[in-house]
Amino acid sequence: MLKRNLVRLGATLLICLGGAVVAPQAAMSAPSAPDSSSTTIRAQDLDPSTATMIPDAELASAGCGSTCDGKNPATYKIYYSGCTSCYHYCADDATTVASNTSGITLELRYSPRCRTAWARVGSDFYYPTIRSYYSDGRVRTSYSGFVDAYYTQMVNDAGLLARAEATAGPSTWWTSKY
């Protein structure tokens, strides 16, 4: 019985000592998981159809500019400060800056942070359009139709003007330019 216990004790010690010698080496060679709080994101790693990286100073002074043209204000991510959790959507701070309620609910939505605009209607009965204008009145670009429920894609509005429009059959409504 004593011999059996000594054999077990020896085997246990061998396993423990053998594991102690091997375990640190295995632990040293294993890659460590990245700390998400310190993980940075690079602009070139982003899919330009779903996100962009904008330097803090540029975002504060000019918004996202033409980078945001044609993008969905509710799902397009604007990363800043280089970190993976430092982003927002243009719809986050949006306000209605012009509207037309003459038989329709038509809104010109504007994001001050992104400096973008888009059209929103109250029903899918109306077909929305957002138009971007240069300050001299020439049309810069426009997007028609729904990018999501009841609203259009965004247009750059930094130093420009925008107007929301909607049609239903032969009727057309529009907001003032902003």
C-alpha atoms as a PDB file:
ATOM      1  CA  MET A   1       0.000   0.000   0.000  1.00  0.00           C
ATOM      2  CA  LEU A   2       2.815   2.358   0.922  1.00  0.00           C
ATOM      3  CA  LYS A   3       4.613   1.485  -2.305  1.00  0.00           C
ATOM      4  CA  ARG A   4       1.465   2.251  -4.346  1.00  0.00           C
ATOM      5  CA  ASN A   5       1.053   5.640  -2.609  1.00  0.00           C
ATOM      6  CA  LEU A   6       4.701   6.508  -3.254  1.00  0.00           C
ATOM      7  CA  VAL A   7       4.295   5.631  -6.938  1.00  0.00           C
ATOM      8  CA  ARG A   8       1.190   7.842  -7.142  1.00  0.00           C
ATOM      9  CA  LEU A   9       2.987  10.670  -5.356  1.00  0.00           C
ATOM     10  CA  GLY A  10       5.963  10.333  -7.701  1.00  0.00           C
ATOM     11  CA  ALA A  11       3.700  10.344 -10.754  1.00  0.00           C
ATOM     12  CA  THR A  12       1.832  13.389  -9.450  1.00  0.00           C
ATOM     13  CA  LEU A  13       5.097  15.238  -8.773  1.00  0.00           C
ATOM     14  CA  LEU A  14       6.382  14.340 -12.228  1.00  0.00           C
ATOM     15  CA  ILE A  15       3.221  15.651 -13.863  1.00  0.00           C
ATOM     16  CA  CYS A  16       3.266  18.827 -11.780  1.00  0.00           C
ATOM     17  CA  LEU A  17       6.934  19.518 -12.322  1.00  0.00           C
ATOM     18  CA  GLY A  18       6.739  18.636 -15.995  1.00  0.00           C
ATOM     19  CA  GLY A  19       3.731  20.905 -16.439  1.00  0.00           C
ATOM     20  CA  ALA A  20       5.482  23.742 -14.600  1.00  0.00           C
ATOM     21  CA  VAL A  21       8.427  23.539 -16.936  1.00  0.00           C
ATOM     22  CA  VAL A  22       6.338  23.321 -20.123  1.00  0.00           C
ATOM     23  CA  ALA A  23       3.489  25.674 -19.231  1.00  0.00           C
ATOM     24  CA  PRO A  24       5.505  28.921 -19.060  1.00  0.00           C
ATOM     25  CA  GLN A  25       7.060  28.227 -22.450  1.00  0.00           C
ATOM     26  CA  ALA A  26       3.659  27.566 -23.990  1.00  0.00           C
ATOM     27  CA  ALA A  27       2.260  30.701 -22.390  1.00  0.00           C
ATOM     28  CA  MET A  28       5.129  32.806 -23.738  1.00  0.00           C
ATOM     29  CA  SER A  29       4.624  31.612 -27.305  1.00  0.00           C
ATOM     30  CA  ALA A  30       0.845  32.086 -27.337  1.00  0.00           C
ATOM     31  CA  PRO A  31      -0.272  35.405 -28.846  1.00  0.00           C
ATOM     32  CA  SER A  32      -2.143  37.692 -26.507  1.00  0.00           C
ATOM     33  CA  ALA A  33      -5.608  38.948 -27.355  1.00  0.00           C
ATOM     34  CA  PRO A  34      -5.743  42.638 -28.301  1.00  0.00           C
ATOM     35  CA  ASP A  35      -7.129  45.029 -25.727  1.00  0.00           C
ATOM     36  CA  SER A  36     -10.195  46.581 -27.399  1.00  0.00           C
ATOM     37  CA  SER A  37      -9.808  49.831 -25.464  1.00  0.00           C
ATOM     38  CA  SER A  38      -6.431  50.472 -27.085  1.00  0.00           C
ATOM     39  CA  THR A  39      -7.186  49.071 -30.546  1.00  0.00           C
ATOM     40  CA  THR A  40      -6.863  51.608 -33.320  1.00  0.00           C
ATOM     41  CA  ILE A  41      -8.481  51.598 -36.709  1.00  0.00           C
ATOM     42  CA  ARG A  42      -6.888  52.785 -39.933  1.00  0.00           C
ATOM     43  CA  ALA A  43      -8.759  54.583 -42.717  1.00  0.00           C
ATOM     44  CA  GLN A  44      -7.419  52.191 -45.360  1.00  0.00           C
ATOM     45  CA  ASP A  45      -8.913  49.228 -43.477  1.00  0.00           C
ATOM     46  CA  LEU A  46     -12.488  50.564 -43.700  1.00  0.00           C
ATOM     47  CA  ASP A  47     -14.999  49.603 -46.370  1.00  0.00           C
ATOM     48  CA  PRO A  48     -15.771  52.985 -48.033  1.00  0.00           C
ATOM     49  CA  SER A  49     -19.355  51.920 -48.684  1.00  0.00           C
ATOM     50  CA  THR A  50     -20.067  51.555 -44.946  1.00  0.00           C
ATOM     51  CA  ALA A  51     -17.639  53.860 -43.102  1.00  0.00           C
ATOM     52  CA  THR A  52     -14.983  56.538 -43.294  1.00  0.00           C
ATOM     53  CA  MET A  53     -12.278  57.949 -41.022  1.00  0.00           C
ATOM     54  CA  ILE A  54     -12.249  61.728 -40.653  1.00  0.00           C
ATOM     55  CA  PRO A  55      -9.619  63.585 -38.624  1.00  0.00           C
ATOM     56  CA  ASP A  56     -11.114  65.389 -35.602  1.00  0.00           C
ATOM     57  CA  ALA A  57     -10.162  68.874 -36.858  1.00  0.00           C
ATOM     58  CA  GLU A  58     -11.637  68.243 -40.314  1.00  0.00           C
ATOM     59  CA  LEU A  59     -14.856  66.838 -38.866  1.00  0.00           C
ATOM     60  CA  ALA A  60     -15.212  69.881 -36.599  1.00  0.00           C
ATOM     61  CA  SER A  61     -14.576  72.390 -39.382  1.00  0.00           C
ATOM     62  CA  ALA A  62     -16.021  70.859 -42.555  1.00  0.00           C
ATOM     63  CA  GLY A  63     -18.030  67.756 -41.632  1.00  0.00           C
ATOM     64  CA  CYS A  64     -17.629  64.701 -43.820  1.00  0.00           C
ATOM     65  CA  GLY A  65     -17.938  66.591 -47.104  1.00  0.00           C
ATOM     66  CA  SER A  66     -18.572  64.767 -50.355  1.00  0.00           C
ATOM     67  CA  THR A  67     -17.412  61.514 -48.699  1.00  0.00           C
ATOM     68  CA  CYS A  68     -20.957  61.259 -47.315  1.00  0.00           C
ATOM     69  CA  ASP A  69     -22.704  61.907 -50.649  1.00  0.00           C
ATOM     70  CA  GLY A  70     -25.046  59.024 -51.418  1.00  0.00           C
ATOM     71  CA  LYS A  71     -24.648  57.316 -48.035  1.00  0.00           C
ATOM     72  CA  ASN A  72     -27.339  56.271 -45.551  1.00  0.00           C
ATOM     73  CA  PRO A  73     -27.385  58.776 -42.644  1.00  0.00           C
ATOM     74  CA  ALA A  74     -28.573  56.119 -40.186  1.00  0.00           C
ATOM     75  CA  THR A  75     -25.994  53.408 -40.961  1.00  0.00           C
ATOM     76  CA  TYR A  76     -22.871  55.062 -42.413  1.00  0.00           C
ATOM     77  CA  LYS A  77     -20.181  55.234 -39.719  1.00  0.00           C
ATOM     78  CA  ILE A  78     -17.976  58.288 -39.266  1.00  0.00           C
ATOM     79  CA  TYR A  79     -14.869  57.203 -37.311  1.00  0.00           C
ATOM     80  CA  TYR A  80     -12.733  59.831 -35.586  1.00  0.00           C
ATOM     81  CA  SER A  81      -9.802  59.817 -33.126  1.00  0.00           C
ATOM     82  CA  GLY A  82      -8.563  56.565 -34.672  1.00  0.00           C
ATOM     83  CA  CYS A  83     -10.228  54.192 -32.206  1.00  0.00           C
ATOM     84  CA  THR A  84     -12.647  51.382 -33.011  1.00  0.00           C
ATOM     85  CA  SER A  85     -15.323  52.681 -30.644  1.00  0.00           C
ATOM     86  CA  CYS A  86     -15.027  56.359 -31.660  1.00  0.00           C
ATOM     87  CA  TYR A  87     -17.706  56.736 -34.315  1.00  0.00           C
ATOM     88  CA  HIS A  88     -21.167  58.129 -34.891  1.00  0.00           C
ATOM     89  CA  TYR A  89     -23.858  58.219 -37.546  1.00  0.00           C
ATOM     90  CA  CYS A  90     -24.934  61.484 -39.174  1.00  0.00           C
ATOM     91  CA  ALA A  91     -28.545  60.840 -38.158  1.00  0.00           C
ATOM     92  CA  ASP A  92     -27.498  60.954 -34.476  1.00  0.00           C
ATOM     93  CA  ASP A  93     -27.604  64.757 -34.253  1.00  0.00           C
ATOM     94  CA  ALA A  94     -30.026  65.498 -37.110  1.00  0.00           C
ATOM     95  CA  THR A  95     -32.676  68.194 -36.930  1.00  0.00           C
ATOM     96  CA  THR A  96     -35.434  69.270 -39.302  1.00  0.00           C
ATOM     97  CA  VAL A  97     -34.340  72.611 -40.785  1.00  0.00           C
ATOM     98  CA  ALA A  98     -37.139  73.056 -43.348  1.00  0.00           C
ATOM     99  CA  SER A  99     -40.469  71.370 -43.949  1.00  0.00           C
ATOM    100  CA  ASN A 100     -43.562  71.400 -46.123  1.00  0.00           C
ATOM    101  CA  THR A 101     -46.829  70.352 -44.493  1.00  0.00           C
ATOM    102  CA  SER A 102     -49.210  71.458 -47.260  1.00  0.00           C
ATOM    103  CA  GLY A 103     -50.971  68.126 -47.703  1.00  0.00           C
ATOM    104  CA  ILE A 104     -47.749  66.198 -47.091  1.00  0.00           C
ATOM    105  CA  THR A 105     -45.114  65.645 -44.448  1.00  0.00           C
ATOM    106  CA  LEU A 106     -41.843  66.552 -46.152  1.00  0.00           C
ATOM    107  CA  GLU A 107     -38.736  67.405 -44.151  1.00  0.00           C
ATOM    108  CA  LEU A 108     -35.243  68.564 -44.955  1.00  0.00           C
ATOM    109  CA  ARG A 109     -33.059  66.881 -42.334  1.00  0.00           C
ATOM    110  CA  TYR A 110     -29.628  68.274 -41.451  1.00  0.00           C
ATOM    111  CA  SER A 111     -26.690  66.954 -39.423  1.00  0.00           C
ATOM    112  CA  PRO A 112     -24.574  69.804 -37.993  1.00  0.00           C
ATOM    113  CA  ARG A 113     -21.716  67.441 -37.099  1.00  0.00           C
ATOM    114  CA  CYS A 114     -21.498  65.849 -40.547  1.00  0.00           C
ATOM    115  CA  ARG A 115     -22.780  68.939 -42.387  1.00  0.00           C
ATOM    116  CA  THR A 116     -25.026  66.770 -44.548  1.00  0.00           C
ATOM    117  CA  ALA A 117     -28.697  66.910 -45.549  1.00  0.00           C
ATOM    118  CA  TRP A 118     -31.363  64.442 -46.699  1.00  0.00           C
ATOM    119  CA  ALA A 119     -35.091  64.353 -47.424  1.00  0.00           C
ATOM    120  CA  ARG A 120     -37.641  62.553 -45.283  1.00  0.00           C
ATOM    121  CA  VAL A 121     -41.325  61.967 -46.086  1.00  0.00           C
ATOM    122  CA  GLY A 122     -44.147  60.787 -43.853  1.00  0.00           C
ATOM    123  CA  SER A 123     -45.297  57.941 -46.093  1.00  0.00           C
ATOM    124  CA  ASP A 124     -43.973  55.707 -48.846  1.00  0.00           C
ATOM    125  CA  PHE A 125     -46.808  57.079 -51.017  1.00  0.00           C
ATOM    126  CA  TYR A 126     -44.496  60.040 -51.729  1.00  0.00           C
ATOM    127  CA  TYR A 127     -41.303  59.651 -53.726  1.00  0.00           C
ATOM    128  CA  PRO A 128     -38.517  61.740 -52.113  1.00  0.00           C
ATOM    129  CA  THR A 129     -35.557  63.537 -53.686  1.00  0.00           C
ATOM    130  CA  ILE A 130     -32.701  65.468 -52.094  1.00  0.00           C
ATOM    131  CA  ARG A 131     -30.953  68.098 -54.233  1.00  0.00           C
ATOM    132  CA  SER A 132     -27.641  69.746 -53.474  1.00  0.00           C
ATOM    133  CA  TYR A 133     -26.995  73.207 -54.928  1.00  0.00           C
ATOM    134  CA  TYR A 134     -23.927  75.393 -55.314  1.00  0.00           C
ATOM    135  CA  SER A 135     -24.330  78.880 -53.846  1.00  0.00           C
ATOM    136  CA  ASP A 136     -24.907  80.287 -57.369  1.00  0.00           C
ATOM    137  CA  GLY A 137     -28.016  78.067 -57.760  1.00  0.00           C
ATOM    138  CA  ARG A 138     -26.591  75.344 -60.024  1.00  0.00           C
ATOM    139  CA  VAL A 139     -27.525  71.771 -59.094  1.00  0.00           C
ATOM    140  CA  ARG A 140     -24.492  69.903 -57.753  1.00  0.00           C
ATOM    141  CA  THR A 141     -26.051  66.452 -57.309  1.00  0.00           C
ATOM    142  CA  SER A 142     -29.301  64.770 -56.310  1.00  0.00           C
ATOM    143  CA  TYR A 143     -30.559  61.434 -55.024  1.00  0.00           C
ATOM    144  CA  SER A 144     -34.084  60.114 -55.409  1.00  0.00           C
ATOM    145  CA  GLY A 145     -35.885  57.226 -53.792  1.00  0.00           C
ATOM    146  CA  PHE A 146     -35.612  55.543 -50.437  1.00  0.00           C
ATOM    147  CA  VAL A 147     -32.328  54.478 -48.899  1.00  0.00           C
ATOM    148  CA  ASP A 148     -34.355  53.281 -45.907  1.00  0.00           C
ATOM    149  CA  ALA A 149     -37.834  53.806 -44.484  1.00  0.00           C
ATOM    150  CA  TYR A 150     -39.076  57.198 -45.691  1.00  0.00           C
ATOM    151  CA  TYR A 151     -35.755  58.982 -46.322  1.00  0.00           C
ATOM    152  CA  THR A 152     -33.101  59.504 -49.008  1.00  0.00           C
ATOM    153  CA  GLN A 153     -29.326  59.296 -49.072  1.00  0.00           C
ATOM    154  CA  MET A 154     -27.258  62.201 -47.758  1.00  0.00           C
ATOM    155  CA  VAL A 155     -25.687  65.064 -49.677  1.00  0.00           C
ATOM    156  CA  ASN A 156     -22.798  67.255 -48.592  1.00  0.00           C
ATOM    157  CA  ASP A 157     -24.115  70.568 -47.254  1.00  0.00           C
ATOM    158  CA  ALA A 158     -20.860  72.244 -46.114  1.00  0.00           C
ATOM    159  CA  GLY A 159     -20.888  75.633 -47.854  1.00  0.00           C
ATOM    160  CA  LEU A 160     -23.714  74.436 -50.099  1.00  0.00           C
ATOM    161  CA  LEU A 161     -27.517  74.468 -50.127  1.00  0.00           C
ATOM    162  CA  ALA A 162     -29.952  71.555 -50.099  1.00  0.00           C
ATOM    163  CA  ARG A 163     -33.665  71.164 -50.782  1.00  0.00           C
ATOM    164  CA  ALA A 164     -36.032  68.264 -50.108  1.00  0.00           C
ATOM    165  CA  GLU A 165     -38.610  67.369 -52.744  1.00  0.00           C
ATOM    166  CA  ALA A 166     -41.361  64.781 -53.067  1.00  0.00           C
ATOM    167  CA  THR A 167     -43.713  63.679 -55.815  1.00  0.00           C
ATOM    168  CA  ALA A 168     -46.935  61.696 -55.948  1.00  0.00           C
ATOM    169  CA  GLY A 169     -48.522  61.347 -59.349  1.00  0.00           C
ATOM    170  CA  PRO A 170     -48.566  64.762 -61.042  1.00  0.00           C
ATOM    171  CA  SER A 171     -48.013  66.679 -57.771  1.00  0.00           C
ATOM    172  CA  THR A 172     -44.632  67.913 -56.501  1.00  0.00           C
ATOM    173  CA  TRP A 173     -43.793  69.449 -53.125  1.00  0.00           C
ATOM    174  CA  TRP A 174     -40.539  70.987 -51.938  1.00  0.00           C
ATOM    175  CA  THR A 175     -39.005  72.733 -48.958  1.00  0.00           C
ATOM    176  CA  SER A 176     -37.029  75.924 -48.905  1.00  0.00           C
ATOM    177  CA  LYS A 177     -33.291  75.586 -49.457  1.00  0.00           C
ATOM    178  CA  TYR A 178     -31.029  75.381 -46.460  1.00  0.00           C
END
